[in-house]
Amino acid sequence: MLKEKKNNIFVLAIVAILGILLAAPTPAAALDIDAIYMTSCRDYLDGTAYSYPWVFEIWMDFADTGDLDHIDVTTPAGGLAPFTIYEDYGDWDYDSPSEYSTFGSLQDDYPAGTYTLNFKDSSDALLASVDLDYSGISMPGSPVDFTYPSDNGQTGIDTEPTFTWTIDPTAGYALGMWVWDEVTDEDKYWYAPATMDTLSWQPGPLDHDHEYWLEVSVFRIKDPPTEFGLPTMTVNGDTFGYAFMIEYCNEVGFTTVPEPATVALLGLGCLVLIRRRHK
């Protein structure tokens, strides 16, 4: 009887402990930033700059977003009023709502200096605060000049192409490459950073009869990447890579070859049967 009573007390104690553990709030997932990028970009189409070519961009990669709901961004003195970045289909990025005719007019809204990114949860509680010194960066010397595809709008591009271009190796510190699929509305391939002596890229197979955009950017970077990757900073124990850049992005559109003609298999099958009968 005493043994049974002790067992009952033991069981009740376990149940009580489990009840306390289940009732206790679950620890919040920790925010883990992987990389932060900031750039002022001048866009070219087949070597010719747009009329309003300059845009400002911020984008981020995360190892874990934790309880992140939004990011409040404060610009340096004299810049735009604070703005907020929200997740958009899995991406955390910001593109300036306006395009600018000159780098000077861009810097009127996005000046050089310290940008503060406040990472917050849905209750507006601060998860982390990061100060980024976006200053001391020069412009690239020139954009790339495509040799394949050679013209914007070119058709009949192979589905396993090797893209080629020429570039002054002193124009920047690194290159970045992207292939955008207009049909599926996504980045098909990308590669960055690459060294300035890279003059070709074979990203992989493309779909037949799709319209694509090839983009290659020349970067001037405040702290250039090393053989180990991006430079890093540590905030509250979170170490992440960063890249503060000015880039010239040249792009060219093209369409791949159509699907190859199909052969009437039924007709071939009949021919095989006829040949076998005459053996």
C-alpha atoms as a PDB file:
ATOM      1  CA  MET A   1       0.000   0.000   0.000  1.00  0.00           C
ATOM      2  CA  LEU A   2       2.828   2.372   0.903  1.00  0.00           C
ATOM      3  CA  LYS A   3       4.656   1.480  -2.325  1.00  0.00           C
ATOM      4  CA  GLU A   4       1.515   2.139  -4.365  1.00  0.00           C
ATOM      5  CA  LYS A   5       1.012   5.499  -2.642  1.00  0.00           C
ATOM      6  CA  LYS A   6       4.597   6.525  -3.378  1.00  0.00           C
ATOM      7  CA  ASN A   7       4.147   5.568  -7.021  1.00  0.00           C
ATOM      8  CA  ASN A   8       0.970   7.661  -7.205  1.00  0.00           C
ATOM      9  CA  ILE A   9       2.780  10.649  -5.695  1.00  0.00           C
ATOM     10  CA  PHE A  10       5.612  10.178  -8.210  1.00  0.00           C
ATOM     11  CA  VAL A  11       3.170  10.087 -11.136  1.00  0.00           C
ATOM     12  CA  LEU A  12       1.356  13.191  -9.883  1.00  0.00           C
ATOM     13  CA  ALA A  13       4.691  15.009  -9.554  1.00  0.00           C
ATOM     14  CA  ILE A  14       5.629  14.160 -13.154  1.00  0.00           C
ATOM     15  CA  VAL A  15       2.239  15.337 -14.390  1.00  0.00           C
ATOM     16  CA  ALA A  16       2.587  18.591 -12.443  1.00  0.00           C
ATOM     17  CA  ILE A  17       6.075  19.232 -13.883  1.00  0.00           C
ATOM     18  CA  LEU A  18       4.869  18.528 -17.422  1.00  0.00           C
ATOM     19  CA  GLY A  19       1.965  20.911 -16.861  1.00  0.00           C
ATOM     20  CA  ILE A  20       4.343  23.668 -15.799  1.00  0.00           C
ATOM     21  CA  LEU A  21       6.622  23.044 -18.785  1.00  0.00           C
ATOM     22  CA  LEU A  22       3.725  23.034 -21.252  1.00  0.00           C
ATOM     23  CA  ALA A  23       2.253  26.203 -19.757  1.00  0.00           C
ATOM     24  CA  ALA A  24       5.604  28.033 -19.871  1.00  0.00           C
ATOM     25  CA  PRO A  25       6.061  30.295 -22.927  1.00  0.00           C
ATOM     26  CA  THR A  26       8.191  28.868 -25.743  1.00  0.00           C
ATOM     27  CA  PRO A  27      11.513  30.720 -26.077  1.00  0.00           C
ATOM     28  CA  ALA A  28      11.487  33.078 -29.076  1.00  0.00           C
ATOM     29  CA  ALA A  29      13.540  31.995 -32.092  1.00  0.00           C
ATOM     30  CA  ALA A  30      16.714  34.035 -32.332  1.00  0.00           C
ATOM     31  CA  LEU A  31      17.271  36.450 -35.194  1.00  0.00           C
ATOM     32  CA  ASP A  32      20.301  35.321 -37.222  1.00  0.00           C
ATOM     33  CA  ILE A  33      21.420  37.703 -39.995  1.00  0.00           C
ATOM     34  CA  ASP A  34      23.475  36.106 -42.751  1.00  0.00           C
ATOM     35  CA  ALA A  35      24.376  39.143 -44.905  1.00  0.00           C
ATOM     36  CA  ILE A  36      23.373  42.770 -45.561  1.00  0.00           C
ATOM     37  CA  TYR A  37      23.918  44.545 -48.887  1.00  0.00           C
ATOM     38  CA  MET A  38      23.579  48.259 -49.738  1.00  0.00           C
ATOM     39  CA  THR A  39      24.133  49.652 -53.202  1.00  0.00           C
ATOM     40  CA  SER A  40      23.650  52.667 -55.433  1.00  0.00           C
ATOM     41  CA  CYS A  41      23.160  51.263 -58.918  1.00  0.00           C
ATOM     42  CA  ARG A  42      23.384  52.847 -62.354  1.00  0.00           C
ATOM     43  CA  ASP A  43      21.442  50.780 -64.918  1.00  0.00           C
ATOM     44  CA  TYR A  44      22.435  50.392 -68.573  1.00  0.00           C
ATOM     45  CA  LEU A  45      20.577  48.751 -71.455  1.00  0.00           C
ATOM     46  CA  ASP A  46      23.006  47.191 -73.933  1.00  0.00           C
ATOM     47  CA  GLY A  47      25.687  49.695 -72.960  1.00  0.00           C
ATOM     48  CA  THR A  48      23.501  52.829 -72.926  1.00  0.00           C
ATOM     49  CA  ALA A  49      22.512  54.353 -69.589  1.00  0.00           C
ATOM     50  CA  TYR A  50      18.817  54.916 -68.939  1.00  0.00           C
ATOM     51  CA  SER A  51      17.533  58.505 -68.757  1.00  0.00           C
ATOM     52  CA  TYR A  52      16.961  57.987 -65.020  1.00  0.00           C
ATOM     53  CA  PRO A  53      19.500  55.252 -64.308  1.00  0.00           C
ATOM     54  CA  TRP A  54      20.188  55.568 -60.581  1.00  0.00           C
ATOM     55  CA  VAL A  55      18.421  53.543 -57.869  1.00  0.00           C
ATOM     56  CA  PHE A  56      19.227  52.782 -54.226  1.00  0.00           C
ATOM     57  CA  GLU A  57      18.815  49.273 -52.862  1.00  0.00           C
ATOM     58  CA  ILE A  58      19.100  47.334 -49.611  1.00  0.00           C
ATOM     59  CA  TRP A  59      18.683  43.579 -49.391  1.00  0.00           C
ATOM     60  CA  MET A  60      19.345  40.970 -46.712  1.00  0.00           C
ATOM     61  CA  ASP A  61      19.829  37.244 -46.278  1.00  0.00           C
ATOM     62  CA  PHE A  62      18.976  35.440 -43.044  1.00  0.00           C
ATOM     63  CA  ALA A  63      20.036  32.144 -41.536  1.00  0.00           C
ATOM     64  CA  ASP A  64      16.944  32.517 -39.296  1.00  0.00           C
ATOM     65  CA  THR A  65      14.444  35.383 -39.213  1.00  0.00           C
ATOM     66  CA  GLY A  66      13.198  34.374 -35.753  1.00  0.00           C
ATOM     67  CA  ASP A  67      10.312  36.653 -34.740  1.00  0.00           C
ATOM     68  CA  LEU A  68      11.247  39.355 -37.247  1.00  0.00           C
ATOM     69  CA  ASP A  69       8.213  41.257 -38.555  1.00  0.00           C
ATOM     70  CA  HIS A  70       9.699  44.442 -40.045  1.00  0.00           C
ATOM     71  CA  ILE A  71      12.857  46.557 -40.279  1.00  0.00           C
ATOM     72  CA  ASP A  72      12.775  50.308 -39.620  1.00  0.00           C
ATOM     73  CA  VAL A  73      15.516  52.178 -41.485  1.00  0.00           C
ATOM     74  CA  THR A  74      16.834  55.615 -40.553  1.00  0.00           C
ATOM     75  CA  THR A  75      18.868  57.503 -43.167  1.00  0.00           C
ATOM     76  CA  PRO A  76      21.730  59.935 -42.438  1.00  0.00           C
ATOM     77  CA  ALA A  77      20.970  63.567 -41.683  1.00  0.00           C
ATOM     78  CA  GLY A  78      19.431  65.347 -44.668  1.00  0.00           C
ATOM     79  CA  GLY A  79      18.144  62.145 -46.270  1.00  0.00           C
ATOM     80  CA  LEU A  80      14.666  60.734 -46.612  1.00  0.00           C
ATOM     81  CA  ALA A  81      12.382  60.233 -43.614  1.00  0.00           C
ATOM     82  CA  PRO A  82      12.657  56.799 -41.963  1.00  0.00           C
ATOM     83  CA  PHE A  83      11.135  53.946 -43.974  1.00  0.00           C
ATOM     84  CA  THR A  84      10.203  50.342 -43.238  1.00  0.00           C
ATOM     85  CA  ILE A  85      11.135  47.078 -44.966  1.00  0.00           C
ATOM     86  CA  TYR A  86       8.708  44.135 -44.896  1.00  0.00           C
ATOM     87  CA  GLU A  87       9.106  40.592 -46.174  1.00  0.00           C
ATOM     88  CA  ASP A  88       7.916  40.181 -49.756  1.00  0.00           C
ATOM     89  CA  TYR A  89       7.508  36.596 -50.973  1.00  0.00           C
ATOM     90  CA  GLY A  90      10.404  35.434 -48.831  1.00  0.00           C
ATOM     91  CA  ASP A  91      12.675  38.374 -49.711  1.00  0.00           C
ATOM     92  CA  TRP A  92      13.739  41.180 -47.396  1.00  0.00           C
ATOM     93  CA  ASP A  93      14.714  44.054 -49.666  1.00  0.00           C
ATOM     94  CA  TYR A  94      14.136  47.693 -50.471  1.00  0.00           C
ATOM     95  CA  ASP A  95      14.264  49.499 -53.815  1.00  0.00           C
ATOM     96  CA  SER A  96      14.050  53.264 -53.878  1.00  0.00           C
ATOM     97  CA  PRO A  97      10.551  54.206 -55.071  1.00  0.00           C
ATOM     98  CA  SER A  98      12.085  56.866 -57.353  1.00  0.00           C
ATOM     99  CA  GLU A  99      14.758  56.645 -60.040  1.00  0.00           C
ATOM    100  CA  TYR A 100      17.291  59.444 -60.381  1.00  0.00           C
ATOM    101  CA  SER A 101      18.956  61.129 -63.337  1.00  0.00           C
ATOM    102  CA  THR A 102      22.284  61.718 -61.560  1.00  0.00           C
ATOM    103  CA  PHE A 103      24.229  60.260 -58.664  1.00  0.00           C
ATOM    104  CA  GLY A 104      24.025  63.665 -56.952  1.00  0.00           C
ATOM    105  CA  SER A 105      20.230  63.685 -57.047  1.00  0.00           C
ATOM    106  CA  LEU A 106      20.204  60.140 -55.662  1.00  0.00           C
ATOM    107  CA  GLN A 107      22.414  61.237 -52.778  1.00  0.00           C
ATOM    108  CA  ASP A 108      20.047  64.079 -51.944  1.00  0.00           C
ATOM    109  CA  ASP A 109      17.673  61.367 -50.681  1.00  0.00           C
ATOM    110  CA  TYR A 110      20.225  58.662 -49.807  1.00  0.00           C
ATOM    111  CA  PRO A 111      23.354  60.506 -48.654  1.00  0.00           C
ATOM    112  CA  ALA A 112      26.629  58.980 -47.537  1.00  0.00           C
ATOM    113  CA  GLY A 113      26.746  58.301 -43.817  1.00  0.00           C
ATOM    114  CA  THR A 114      25.305  56.017 -41.164  1.00  0.00           C
ATOM    115  CA  TYR A 115      22.125  54.051 -41.860  1.00  0.00           C
ATOM    116  CA  THR A 116      20.488  52.451 -38.815  1.00  0.00           C
ATOM    117  CA  LEU A 117      18.478  49.252 -39.317  1.00  0.00           C
ATOM    118  CA  ASN A 118      16.173  48.391 -36.394  1.00  0.00           C
ATOM    119  CA  PHE A 119      14.939  44.798 -36.593  1.00  0.00           C
ATOM    120  CA  LYS A 120      11.586  44.463 -34.793  1.00  0.00           C
ATOM    121  CA  ASP A 121       8.895  41.886 -34.030  1.00  0.00           C
ATOM    122  CA  SER A 122       5.130  42.306 -34.552  1.00  0.00           C
ATOM    123  CA  SER A 123       4.760  44.160 -31.229  1.00  0.00           C
ATOM    124  CA  ASP A 124       7.437  46.658 -32.350  1.00  0.00           C
ATOM    125  CA  ALA A 125       9.909  45.288 -29.799  1.00  0.00           C
ATOM    126  CA  LEU A 126      13.533  45.715 -30.861  1.00  0.00           C
ATOM    127  CA  LEU A 127      15.316  42.460 -31.753  1.00  0.00           C
ATOM    128  CA  ALA A 128      18.565  44.018 -32.981  1.00  0.00           C
ATOM    129  CA  SER A 129      19.930  47.348 -34.170  1.00  0.00           C
ATOM    130  CA  VAL A 130      22.670  47.613 -36.799  1.00  0.00           C
ATOM    131  CA  ASP A 131      24.539  50.768 -37.863  1.00  0.00           C
ATOM    132  CA  LEU A 132      25.943  50.691 -41.405  1.00  0.00           C
ATOM    133  CA  ASP A 133      28.513  53.236 -42.585  1.00  0.00           C
ATOM    134  CA  TYR A 134      27.656  53.732 -46.259  1.00  0.00           C
ATOM    135  CA  SER A 135      30.405  56.156 -47.292  1.00  0.00           C
ATOM    136  CA  GLY A 136      33.831  56.348 -48.884  1.00  0.00           C
ATOM    137  CA  ILE A 137      32.947  54.385 -52.048  1.00  0.00           C
ATOM    138  CA  SER A 138      33.993  55.442 -55.559  1.00  0.00           C
ATOM    139  CA  MET A 139      32.127  54.758 -58.801  1.00  0.00           C
ATOM    140  CA  PRO A 140      33.144  51.965 -61.208  1.00  0.00           C
ATOM    141  CA  GLY A 141      35.133  52.974 -64.271  1.00  0.00           C
ATOM    142  CA  SER A 142      32.808  51.461 -66.917  1.00  0.00           C
ATOM    143  CA  PRO A 143      30.143  48.798 -67.420  1.00  0.00           C
ATOM    144  CA  VAL A 144      30.740  45.466 -69.140  1.00  0.00           C
ATOM    145  CA  ASP A 145      30.315  45.285 -72.920  1.00  0.00           C
ATOM    146  CA  PHE A 146      28.469  42.135 -74.037  1.00  0.00           C
ATOM    147  CA  THR A 147      29.787  40.079 -76.929  1.00  0.00           C
ATOM    148  CA  TYR A 148      27.269  37.202 -76.570  1.00  0.00           C
ATOM    149  CA  PRO A 149      24.422  38.029 -76.722  1.00  0.00           C
ATOM    150  CA  SER A 150      25.696  40.835 -78.883  1.00  0.00           C
ATOM    151  CA  ASP A 151      22.482  42.895 -79.167  1.00  0.00           C
ATOM    152  CA  ASN A 152      19.449  43.597 -77.029  1.00  0.00           C
ATOM    153  CA  GLY A 153      16.482  41.553 -78.250  1.00  0.00           C
ATOM    154  CA  GLN A 154      18.631  38.922 -79.971  1.00  0.00           C
ATOM    155  CA  THR A 155      16.762  35.697 -80.761  1.00  0.00           C
ATOM    156  CA  GLY A 156      17.935  32.158 -81.359  1.00  0.00           C
ATOM    157  CA  ILE A 157      20.187  32.025 -78.304  1.00  0.00           C
ATOM    158  CA  ASP A 158      21.283  28.507 -77.407  1.00  0.00           C
ATOM    159  CA  THR A 159      19.647  26.872 -74.364  1.00  0.00           C
ATOM    160  CA  GLU A 160      23.085  26.087 -72.907  1.00  0.00           C
ATOM    161  CA  PRO A 161      24.876  29.341 -73.711  1.00  0.00           C
ATOM    162  CA  THR A 162      28.233  30.678 -72.658  1.00  0.00           C
ATOM    163  CA  PHE A 163      27.736  34.402 -72.112  1.00  0.00           C
ATOM    164  CA  THR A 164      30.759  36.580 -72.940  1.00  0.00           C
ATOM    165  CA  TRP A 165      31.785  40.213 -72.507  1.00  0.00           C
ATOM    166  CA  THR A 166      34.744  42.569 -72.315  1.00  0.00           C
ATOM    167  CA  ILE A 167      35.616  44.834 -69.391  1.00  0.00           C
ATOM    168  CA  ASP A 168      38.436  47.065 -68.204  1.00  0.00           C
ATOM    169  CA  PRO A 169      39.912  45.003 -65.338  1.00  0.00           C
ATOM    170  CA  THR A 170      40.591  48.198 -63.367  1.00  0.00           C
ATOM    171  CA  ALA A 171      36.955  49.387 -63.616  1.00  0.00           C
ATOM    172  CA  GLY A 172      35.874  47.769 -60.346  1.00  0.00           C
ATOM    173  CA  TYR A 173      36.624  45.256 -57.613  1.00  0.00           C
ATOM    174  CA  ALA A 174      34.209  42.453 -58.527  1.00  0.00           C
ATOM    175  CA  LEU A 175      31.436  41.326 -60.877  1.00  0.00           C
ATOM    176  CA  GLY A 176      27.943  39.955 -60.268  1.00  0.00           C
ATOM    177  CA  MET A 177      25.852  38.038 -62.827  1.00  0.00           C
ATOM    178  CA  TRP A 178      22.149  37.221 -63.089  1.00  0.00           C
ATOM    179  CA  VAL A 179      19.771  35.588 -65.593  1.00  0.00           C
ATOM    180  CA  TRP A 180      16.127  36.617 -65.176  1.00  0.00           C
ATOM    181  CA  ASP A 181      13.350  34.511 -66.724  1.00  0.00           C
ATOM    182  CA  GLU A 182      10.514  36.728 -67.965  1.00  0.00           C
ATOM    183  CA  VAL A 183       8.153  33.755 -68.393  1.00  0.00           C
ATOM    184  CA  THR A 184       8.499  32.350 -64.870  1.00  0.00           C
ATOM    185  CA  ASP A 185       9.244  35.790 -63.347  1.00  0.00           C
ATOM    186  CA  GLU A 186      12.275  34.661 -61.342  1.00  0.00           C
ATOM    187  CA  ASP A 187      16.047  34.720 -61.149  1.00  0.00           C
ATOM    188  CA  LYS A 188      17.026  31.588 -63.046  1.00  0.00           C
ATOM    189  CA  TYR A 189      20.717  31.783 -62.150  1.00  0.00           C
ATOM    190  CA  TRP A 190      23.039  34.160 -60.352  1.00  0.00           C
ATOM    191  CA  TYR A 191      26.691  34.331 -59.391  1.00  0.00           C
ATOM    192  CA  ALA A 192      28.428  36.957 -57.267  1.00  0.00           C
ATOM    193  CA  PRO A 193      31.036  38.014 -56.583  1.00  0.00           C
ATOM    194  CA  ALA A 194      33.372  37.066 -59.418  1.00  0.00           C
ATOM    195  CA  THR A 195      36.797  38.550 -60.066  1.00  0.00           C
ATOM    196  CA  MET A 196      37.337  41.311 -62.614  1.00  0.00           C
ATOM    197  CA  ASP A 197      39.208  38.972 -64.973  1.00  0.00           C
ATOM    198  CA  THR A 198      36.024  36.905 -65.487  1.00  0.00           C
ATOM    199  CA  LEU A 199      35.011  37.316 -69.143  1.00  0.00           C
ATOM    200  CA  SER A 200      32.475  34.509 -69.571  1.00  0.00           C
ATOM    201  CA  TRP A 201      29.759  32.629 -67.699  1.00  0.00           C
ATOM    202  CA  GLN A 202      27.969  29.364 -68.414  1.00  0.00           C
ATOM    203  CA  PRO A 203      25.127  29.320 -65.884  1.00  0.00           C
ATOM    204  CA  GLY A 204      23.289  26.162 -66.965  1.00  0.00           C
ATOM    205  CA  PRO A 205      20.427  25.041 -69.211  1.00  0.00           C
ATOM    206  CA  LEU A 206      17.695  27.511 -70.172  1.00  0.00           C
ATOM    207  CA  ASP A 207      14.183  26.738 -71.380  1.00  0.00           C
ATOM    208  CA  HIS A 208      13.309  26.795 -75.070  1.00  0.00           C
ATOM    209  CA  ASP A 209      11.516  29.844 -76.478  1.00  0.00           C
ATOM    210  CA  HIS A 210      11.760  31.888 -73.240  1.00  0.00           C
ATOM    211  CA  GLU A 211      12.575  35.574 -72.973  1.00  0.00           C
ATOM    212  CA  TYR A 212      15.451  36.268 -70.570  1.00  0.00           C
ATOM    213  CA  TRP A 213      17.473  39.188 -69.273  1.00  0.00           C
ATOM    214  CA  LEU A 214      21.195  38.854 -68.722  1.00  0.00           C
ATOM    215  CA  GLU A 215      22.577  41.327 -66.184  1.00  0.00           C
ATOM    216  CA  VAL A 216      26.241  41.796 -65.301  1.00  0.00           C
ATOM    217  CA  SER A 217      27.241  44.371 -62.685  1.00  0.00           C
ATOM    218  CA  VAL A 218      30.626  45.959 -62.064  1.00  0.00           C
ATOM    219  CA  PHE A 219      31.063  46.677 -58.342  1.00  0.00           C
ATOM    220  CA  ARG A 220      33.140  49.180 -56.447  1.00  0.00           C
ATOM    221  CA  ILE A 221      33.006  47.894 -52.877  1.00  0.00           C
ATOM    222  CA  LYS A 222      33.958  49.689 -49.684  1.00  0.00           C
ATOM    223  CA  ASP A 223      35.623  46.612 -48.155  1.00  0.00           C
ATOM    224  CA  PRO A 224      36.325  44.184 -51.030  1.00  0.00           C
ATOM    225  CA  PRO A 225      35.646  40.466 -50.540  1.00  0.00           C
ATOM    226  CA  THR A 226      38.584  38.170 -49.867  1.00  0.00           C
ATOM    227  CA  GLU A 227      39.156  34.539 -50.775  1.00  0.00           C
ATOM    228  CA  PHE A 228      37.140  33.737 -47.646  1.00  0.00           C
ATOM    229  CA  GLY A 229      34.087  35.705 -48.828  1.00  0.00           C
ATOM    230  CA  LEU A 230      32.473  38.937 -47.656  1.00  0.00           C
ATOM    231  CA  PRO A 231      33.923  40.986 -44.798  1.00  0.00           C
ATOM    232  CA  THR A 232      31.986  40.509 -41.554  1.00  0.00           C
ATOM    233  CA  MET A 233      30.756  42.515 -38.583  1.00  0.00           C
ATOM    234  CA  THR A 234      29.394  41.297 -35.262  1.00  0.00           C
ATOM    235  CA  VAL A 235      26.418  42.882 -33.463  1.00  0.00           C
ATOM    236  CA  ASN A 236      25.228  41.438 -30.129  1.00  0.00           C
ATOM    237  CA  GLY A 237      26.988  38.167 -30.869  1.00  0.00           C
ATOM    238  CA  ASP A 238      25.513  37.862 -34.376  1.00  0.00           C
ATOM    239  CA  THR A 239      28.253  37.761 -37.040  1.00  0.00           C
ATOM    240  CA  PHE A 240      27.214  38.429 -40.623  1.00  0.00           C
ATOM    241  CA  GLY A 241      28.697  39.454 -43.950  1.00  0.00           C
ATOM    242  CA  TYR A 242      28.195  42.857 -45.521  1.00  0.00           C
ATOM    243  CA  ALA A 243      28.783  44.625 -48.834  1.00  0.00           C
ATOM    244  CA  PHE A 244      28.471  48.390 -49.382  1.00  0.00           C
ATOM    245  CA  MET A 245      28.727  49.125 -53.092  1.00  0.00           C
ATOM    246  CA  ILE A 246      28.268  51.382 -56.074  1.00  0.00           C
ATOM    247  CA  GLU A 247      27.593  49.372 -59.220  1.00  0.00           C
ATOM    248  CA  TYR A 248      27.114  49.769 -62.957  1.00  0.00           C
ATOM    249  CA  CYS A 249      24.640  47.148 -64.177  1.00  0.00           C
ATOM    250  CA  ASN A 250      24.483  46.451 -67.924  1.00  0.00           C
ATOM    251  CA  GLU A 251      21.610  44.263 -69.128  1.00  0.00           C
ATOM    252  CA  VAL A 252      20.535  42.747 -72.414  1.00  0.00           C
ATOM    253  CA  GLY A 253      17.373  40.875 -73.347  1.00  0.00           C
ATOM    254  CA  PHE A 254      17.279  37.763 -75.511  1.00  0.00           C
ATOM    255  CA  THR A 255      15.064  34.835 -76.504  1.00  0.00           C
ATOM    256  CA  THR A 256      16.188  31.225 -76.676  1.00  0.00           C
ATOM    257  CA  VAL A 257      15.661  28.929 -79.662  1.00  0.00           C
ATOM    258  CA  PRO A 258      12.201  27.356 -80.098  1.00  0.00           C
ATOM    259  CA  GLU A 259      11.439  23.763 -79.179  1.00  0.00           C
ATOM    260  CA  PRO A 260      12.874  21.360 -81.758  1.00  0.00           C
ATOM    261  CA  ALA A 261      10.375  19.911 -84.238  1.00  0.00           C
ATOM    262  CA  THR A 262       8.826  16.616 -83.106  1.00  0.00           C
ATOM    263  CA  VAL A 263       8.724  13.508 -85.303  1.00  0.00           C
ATOM    264  CA  ALA A 264       5.512  11.533 -85.829  1.00  0.00           C
ATOM    265  CA  LEU A 265       6.315   8.445 -83.757  1.00  0.00           C
ATOM    266  CA  LEU A 266       3.284   6.529 -85.050  1.00  0.00           C
ATOM    267  CA  GLY A 267       4.591   6.736 -88.615  1.00  0.00           C
ATOM    268  CA  LEU A 268       8.007   5.489 -87.550  1.00  0.00           C
ATOM    269  CA  GLY A 269       6.406   2.596 -85.714  1.00  0.00           C
ATOM    270  CA  CYS A 270       4.510   1.529 -88.849  1.00  0.00           C
ATOM    271  CA  LEU A 271       7.715   1.620 -90.908  1.00  0.00           C
ATOM    272  CA  VAL A 272       9.476  -0.618 -88.386  1.00  0.00           C
ATOM    273  CA  LEU A 273       6.633  -3.148 -88.530  1.00  0.00           C
ATOM    274  CA  ILE A 274       6.660  -3.161 -92.336  1.00  0.00           C
ATOM    275  CA  ARG A 275      10.419  -3.782 -92.435  1.00  0.00           C
ATOM    276  CA  ARG A 276      10.111  -6.637 -89.987  1.00  0.00           C
ATOM    277  CA  ARG A 277       7.425  -8.302 -92.114  1.00  0.00           C
ATOM    278  CA  HIS A 278       9.668  -8.224 -95.151  1.00  0.00           C
ATOM    279  CA  LYS A 279      12.598  -9.878 -93.418  1.00  0.00           C
END
